[in-house]
Amino acid sequence: MAAKGLSRLGLYLVVLLISLVMVAPVYILVKISFSNPQEVLTQHPTFLIHEVTFKHWKQVFESGNLWPPLQKSFTVATLTMLVSLAIVVPASYAISRLGKKAKYAYMLSLFFTKMFPVVGIALPISVIFLKWDLLDTSLGLVLAHLIGQLPFMAWILVANFEAIPVDLEEAAAIDGATRMQTLIQVILPVSMQGIAVSAMYVWLNSWNEFTYALYLSLSTKTMPLQIYYYVERGGFFQQAAYATILAIPVIIITFVLQRYLKSDYLGGAVKG
């Protein structure tokens, strides 16, 4: 019993240590955004905030460079997520019900685009979008983001749909449900956990995307690009304030979708 207690205590300490390592950079970022320069730009900066100031946040809000990038990033991330769901959910369900060889071939073809670095294809895409008059538009960024997010979401959802027993579909068919009714009324509620997780990750990936924004955004920047702009200017404290604002929607989205992030969500539905 004593050995078991020590083992559990050691596990808790390891988890606590990992959590501190993960949270510490976020705390330092927030601290810098609320600290006076003399507390940070010193040889031995303190870990705690001794004098809170809102000067850097005020400069960010009054600069006129916050709301347009924030609105553009939110619009592009949300549209990318919704379009990805509309395309990938039915496609992944269909792929999951194929034979093993056909399924493997489809997934391999989807990940073909991931073989190339984003930097290598961003320039040709920007040239094409210039001809299509999509440069510096939210639609252009959404289409560019879909290149990387569609395979990513399909990879998650195909495995998610595979875990759902075919018996549920057969039972729905016996009750007279069509294939589309089975998908909407039976499959989607059971697979909501995987759908929520994939949607959250696609939104986050689009929200934090930088390379396509660098090539495709000219007049109105996205939030990651705006942070990069302040890094180039050397605006250390404004950069921290922008990065903190960038993290706030991430926390909100995670909190909204956390009710679906339960390991027994699918298991309970299948047992029922």
Protein backbone atom coordinates (compact mmCIF):
# COMPACT_ATOMS: atom_id res chain seq x y z
CA MET A 1 0.00 0.00 0.00
CA ALA A 2 2.84 2.38 0.88
CA ALA A 3 4.59 1.65 -2.44
CA LYS A 4 1.34 2.26 -4.30
CA GLY A 5 0.83 5.57 -2.48
CA LEU A 6 4.38 6.70 -3.30
CA SER A 7 3.89 5.72 -6.94
CA ARG A 8 0.68 7.76 -7.13
CA LEU A 9 2.36 10.71 -5.42
CA GLY A 10 5.21 10.54 -7.92
CA LEU A 11 2.72 10.51 -10.78
CA TYR A 12 0.95 13.56 -9.36
CA LEU A 13 4.26 15.39 -9.02
CA VAL A 14 5.21 14.61 -12.61
CA VAL A 15 1.81 15.81 -13.86
CA LEU A 16 2.15 18.97 -11.75
CA LEU A 17 5.66 19.61 -13.10
CA ILE A 18 4.53 19.17 -16.71
CA SER A 19 1.55 21.46 -16.10
CA LEU A 20 3.81 24.16 -14.65
CA VAL A 21 6.19 23.90 -17.60
CA MET A 22 3.26 24.29 -20.01
CA VAL A 23 1.56 27.15 -18.13
CA ALA A 24 4.72 29.13 -17.27
CA PRO A 25 5.29 30.59 -20.79
CA VAL A 26 1.64 31.71 -20.96
CA TYR A 27 1.94 33.35 -17.54
CA ILE A 28 5.16 35.13 -18.55
CA LEU A 29 3.46 36.40 -21.70
CA VAL A 30 0.54 37.80 -19.70
CA LYS A 31 2.92 39.21 -17.09
CA ILE A 32 4.91 41.11 -19.71
CA SER A 33 1.73 42.62 -21.16
CA PHE A 34 0.81 44.03 -17.72
CA SER A 35 4.30 44.93 -16.42
CA ASN A 36 6.26 48.15 -16.44
CA PRO A 37 9.38 48.08 -18.65
CA GLN A 38 11.70 48.48 -15.65
CA GLU A 39 10.40 45.19 -14.19
CA VAL A 40 11.10 43.23 -17.38
CA LEU A 41 14.03 44.93 -19.11
CA THR A 42 16.45 44.22 -16.31
CA GLN A 43 19.21 41.72 -15.65
CA HIS A 44 17.16 39.87 -13.03
CA PRO A 45 13.44 40.23 -13.85
CA THR A 46 11.00 39.13 -11.18
CA PHE A 47 8.57 36.26 -11.71
CA LEU A 48 5.60 38.03 -10.10
CA ILE A 49 4.01 41.30 -11.17
CA HIS A 50 4.74 44.00 -8.59
CA GLU A 51 3.10 46.93 -10.33
CA VAL A 52 0.26 46.31 -12.79
CA THR A 53 -0.06 48.69 -15.71
CA PHE A 54 -2.60 48.79 -18.53
CA LYS A 55 -0.45 51.13 -20.62
CA HIS A 56 0.50 48.50 -23.22
CA TRP A 57 -3.08 47.28 -23.60
CA LYS A 58 -4.27 50.88 -23.96
CA GLN A 59 -1.71 51.45 -26.71
CA VAL A 60 -2.94 48.34 -28.53
CA PHE A 61 -6.62 49.31 -28.28
CA GLU A 62 -5.94 52.89 -29.33
CA SER A 63 -3.63 51.98 -32.21
CA GLY A 64 -6.49 51.14 -34.57
CA ASN A 65 -4.67 47.95 -35.53
CA LEU A 66 -6.57 45.52 -33.30
CA TRP A 67 -10.17 45.12 -34.43
CA PRO A 68 -9.64 44.63 -38.21
CA PRO A 69 -7.07 41.81 -37.73
CA LEU A 70 -9.14 40.29 -34.92
CA GLN A 71 -12.29 40.33 -37.06
CA LYS A 72 -10.49 38.90 -40.08
CA SER A 73 -8.86 36.08 -38.10
CA PHE A 74 -12.16 35.16 -36.45
CA THR A 75 -14.07 35.25 -39.73
CA VAL A 76 -11.51 33.14 -41.60
CA ALA A 77 -11.14 30.58 -38.79
CA THR A 78 -14.91 30.19 -38.36
CA LEU A 79 -15.60 29.89 -42.10
CA THR A 80 -12.74 27.41 -42.50
CA MET A 81 -14.19 25.27 -39.71
CA LEU A 82 -17.78 25.38 -41.08
CA VAL A 83 -16.76 24.63 -44.68
CA SER A 84 -14.49 21.82 -43.50
CA LEU A 85 -17.35 20.27 -41.51
CA ALA A 86 -19.75 20.53 -44.45
CA ILE A 87 -17.30 18.78 -46.77
CA VAL A 88 -15.48 16.35 -44.51
CA VAL A 89 -18.24 14.93 -42.28
CA PRO A 90 -20.25 13.19 -45.05
CA ALA A 91 -17.09 12.33 -46.99
CA SER A 92 -15.39 10.78 -43.95
CA TYR A 93 -18.49 8.75 -43.15
CA ALA A 94 -18.55 7.39 -46.70
CA ILE A 95 -14.81 6.61 -46.63
CA SER A 96 -15.10 4.86 -43.26
CA ARG A 97 -17.58 2.37 -44.74
CA LEU A 98 -15.31 1.41 -47.66
CA GLY A 99 -13.06 -1.63 -47.77
CA LYS A 100 -9.64 -1.44 -46.16
CA LYS A 101 -7.69 -1.05 -49.45
CA ALA A 102 -10.01 1.61 -50.87
CA LYS A 103 -10.02 3.45 -47.56
CA TYR A 104 -6.22 3.44 -47.44
CA ALA A 105 -6.01 4.75 -51.01
CA TYR A 106 -8.40 7.62 -50.24
CA MET A 107 -6.57 8.66 -47.09
CA LEU A 108 -3.21 8.46 -48.85
CA SER A 109 -4.47 10.71 -51.63
CA LEU A 110 -5.81 13.20 -49.07
CA PHE A 111 -2.45 13.46 -47.35
CA PHE A 112 -0.63 13.93 -50.65
CA THR A 113 -0.92 17.71 -50.20
CA LYS A 114 0.74 17.46 -46.77
CA MET A 115 3.92 16.17 -48.41
CA PHE A 116 4.82 19.69 -49.54
CA PRO A 117 5.82 22.52 -47.18
CA VAL A 118 3.35 25.37 -46.90
CA VAL A 119 6.01 27.88 -47.93
CA GLY A 120 6.56 25.96 -51.16
CA ILE A 121 2.92 26.17 -52.27
CA ALA A 122 1.93 29.53 -50.76
CA LEU A 123 3.63 31.56 -53.51
CA PRO A 124 2.00 29.69 -56.46
CA ILE A 125 -1.35 29.95 -54.67
CA SER A 126 -0.89 33.70 -54.23
CA VAL A 127 -0.18 34.05 -57.97
CA ILE A 128 -3.33 32.09 -58.85
CA PHE A 129 -5.43 34.03 -56.34
CA LEU A 130 -4.12 37.27 -57.82
CA LYS A 131 -5.55 36.21 -61.19
CA TRP A 132 -8.82 35.20 -59.54
CA ASP A 133 -9.02 38.50 -57.63
CA LEU A 134 -8.94 36.63 -54.30
CA LEU A 135 -5.79 38.25 -52.93
CA ASP A 136 -6.32 40.11 -49.66
CA THR A 137 -9.78 38.61 -49.15
CA SER A 138 -11.18 36.41 -46.40
CA LEU A 139 -12.44 33.93 -49.01
CA GLY A 140 -8.94 33.52 -50.41
CA LEU A 141 -7.54 32.74 -46.96
CA VAL A 142 -10.34 30.26 -46.27
CA LEU A 143 -9.64 28.39 -49.52
CA ALA A 144 -5.92 28.34 -48.72
CA HIS A 145 -6.50 27.06 -45.19
CA LEU A 146 -8.75 24.27 -46.47
CA ILE A 147 -5.77 22.75 -48.30
CA GLY A 148 -4.19 21.72 -45.02
CA GLN A 149 -7.28 21.35 -42.84
CA LEU A 150 -9.40 19.00 -44.96
CA PRO A 151 -6.94 16.06 -44.75
CA PHE A 152 -6.38 16.76 -41.06
CA MET A 153 -10.09 16.68 -40.24
CA ALA A 154 -10.69 13.64 -42.46
CA TRP A 155 -7.95 11.74 -40.64
CA ILE A 156 -9.71 12.32 -37.32
CA LEU A 157 -13.27 11.70 -38.49
CA VAL A 158 -12.64 8.57 -40.54
CA ALA A 159 -11.22 6.90 -37.44
CA ASN A 160 -14.12 8.30 -35.42
CA PHE A 161 -16.78 6.87 -37.77
CA GLU A 162 -14.94 3.54 -37.93
CA ALA A 163 -15.46 3.15 -34.18
CA ILE A 164 -19.25 3.30 -34.59
CA PRO A 165 -20.74 -0.20 -34.99
CA VAL A 166 -22.51 -0.91 -38.28
CA ASP A 167 -25.27 -2.50 -36.16
CA LEU A 168 -26.58 0.99 -35.38
CA GLU A 169 -27.06 1.69 -39.08
CA GLU A 170 -28.69 -1.67 -39.68
CA ALA A 171 -31.11 -1.08 -36.81
CA ALA A 172 -31.99 2.35 -38.23
CA ALA A 173 -32.53 0.80 -41.68
CA ILE A 174 -34.88 -1.80 -40.19
CA ASP A 175 -36.88 1.06 -38.65
CA GLY A 176 -37.26 2.57 -42.11
CA ALA A 177 -34.64 5.34 -41.95
CA THR A 178 -32.94 6.41 -45.16
CA ARG A 179 -29.17 6.68 -45.46
CA MET A 180 -29.28 10.45 -44.93
CA GLN A 181 -31.64 10.10 -41.94
CA THR A 182 -29.32 7.51 -40.45
CA LEU A 183 -26.36 9.86 -40.82
CA ILE A 184 -28.15 12.87 -39.32
CA GLN A 185 -30.23 11.23 -36.58
CA VAL A 186 -28.05 8.28 -35.55
CA ILE A 187 -24.43 8.63 -36.63
CA LEU A 188 -23.84 12.35 -36.03
CA PRO A 189 -25.13 12.41 -32.40
CA VAL A 190 -22.97 9.40 -31.53
CA SER A 191 -19.89 10.85 -33.25
CA MET A 192 -20.28 14.36 -31.84
CA GLN A 193 -17.18 14.02 -29.69
CA GLY A 194 -14.89 13.41 -32.65
CA ILE A 195 -16.62 16.10 -34.70
CA ALA A 196 -16.21 18.64 -31.88
CA VAL A 197 -12.53 17.78 -31.43
CA SER A 198 -11.78 18.00 -35.15
CA ALA A 199 -13.73 21.27 -35.47
CA MET A 200 -11.85 22.75 -32.53
CA TYR A 201 -8.45 21.81 -33.92
CA VAL A 202 -9.30 23.10 -37.40
CA TRP A 203 -10.46 26.40 -35.91
CA LEU A 204 -7.30 26.70 -33.82
CA ASN A 205 -5.03 25.83 -36.75
CA SER A 206 -6.73 28.42 -38.93
CA TRP A 207 -6.74 31.00 -36.14
CA ASN A 208 -2.99 30.63 -35.60
CA GLU A 209 -2.00 30.22 -39.27
CA PHE A 210 0.76 32.57 -40.40
CA THR A 211 2.34 31.56 -43.73
CA TYR A 212 -0.71 31.92 -46.00
CA ALA A 213 -1.62 35.16 -44.23
CA LEU A 214 1.85 36.50 -45.01
CA TYR A 215 1.38 35.85 -48.73
CA LEU A 216 -2.34 36.53 -49.12
CA SER A 217 -3.02 39.43 -46.71
CA LEU A 218 -1.91 42.88 -47.83
CA SER A 219 -4.05 45.69 -46.42
CA THR A 220 -5.85 43.88 -43.57
CA LYS A 221 -3.60 41.57 -41.57
CA THR A 222 -4.60 38.63 -39.42
CA MET A 223 -3.74 38.54 -35.72
CA PRO A 224 -0.64 36.30 -36.08
CA LEU A 225 0.59 38.56 -38.86
CA GLN A 226 -0.07 41.63 -36.72
CA ILE A 227 2.01 40.12 -33.91
CA TYR A 228 4.80 39.46 -36.40
CA TYR A 229 4.58 43.12 -37.44
CA TYR A 230 5.19 44.21 -33.84
CA VAL A 231 8.06 41.73 -33.50
CA GLU A 232 9.70 43.33 -36.54
CA ARG A 233 9.16 46.79 -35.05
CA GLY A 234 10.55 45.73 -31.72
CA GLY A 235 7.32 46.46 -29.85
CA PHE A 236 8.05 43.96 -27.08
CA PHE A 237 5.22 44.84 -24.72
CA GLN A 238 2.60 45.48 -27.39
CA GLN A 239 3.55 42.13 -28.89
CA ALA A 240 2.80 40.44 -25.55
CA ALA A 241 -0.57 42.22 -25.33
CA TYR A 242 -1.49 41.13 -28.88
CA ALA A 243 -0.42 37.53 -28.16
CA THR A 244 -2.52 37.49 -24.98
CA ILE A 245 -5.55 38.73 -26.93
CA LEU A 246 -4.85 36.04 -29.54
CA ALA A 247 -5.08 33.38 -26.81
CA ILE A 248 -8.42 34.56 -25.34
CA PRO A 249 -10.67 33.15 -28.14
CA VAL A 250 -8.76 29.87 -27.92
CA ILE A 251 -9.72 29.57 -24.25
CA ILE A 252 -13.35 30.45 -25.02
CA ILE A 253 -13.64 27.93 -27.88
CA THR A 254 -12.07 25.19 -25.75
CA PHE A 255 -14.46 25.97 -22.88
CA VAL A 256 -17.51 25.89 -25.19
CA LEU A 257 -16.56 22.54 -26.73
CA GLN A 258 -15.16 20.90 -23.59
CA ARG A 259 -18.50 19.21 -22.82
CA TYR A 260 -17.90 16.97 -25.85
CA LEU A 261 -14.35 16.08 -24.80
CA LYS A 262 -15.25 13.07 -22.69
CA SER A 263 -13.61 9.71 -23.14
CA ASP A 264 -16.87 7.81 -22.44
CA TYR A 265 -19.07 9.89 -24.79
CA LEU A 266 -19.00 7.33 -27.58
CA GLY A 267 -18.96 4.33 -25.28
CA GLY A 268 -22.14 5.36 -23.47
CA ALA A 269 -23.98 5.96 -26.71
CA VAL A 270 -23.01 2.61 -28.17
CA LYS A 271 -24.04 0.74 -25.02
CA GLY A 272 -27.43 2.43 -25.14
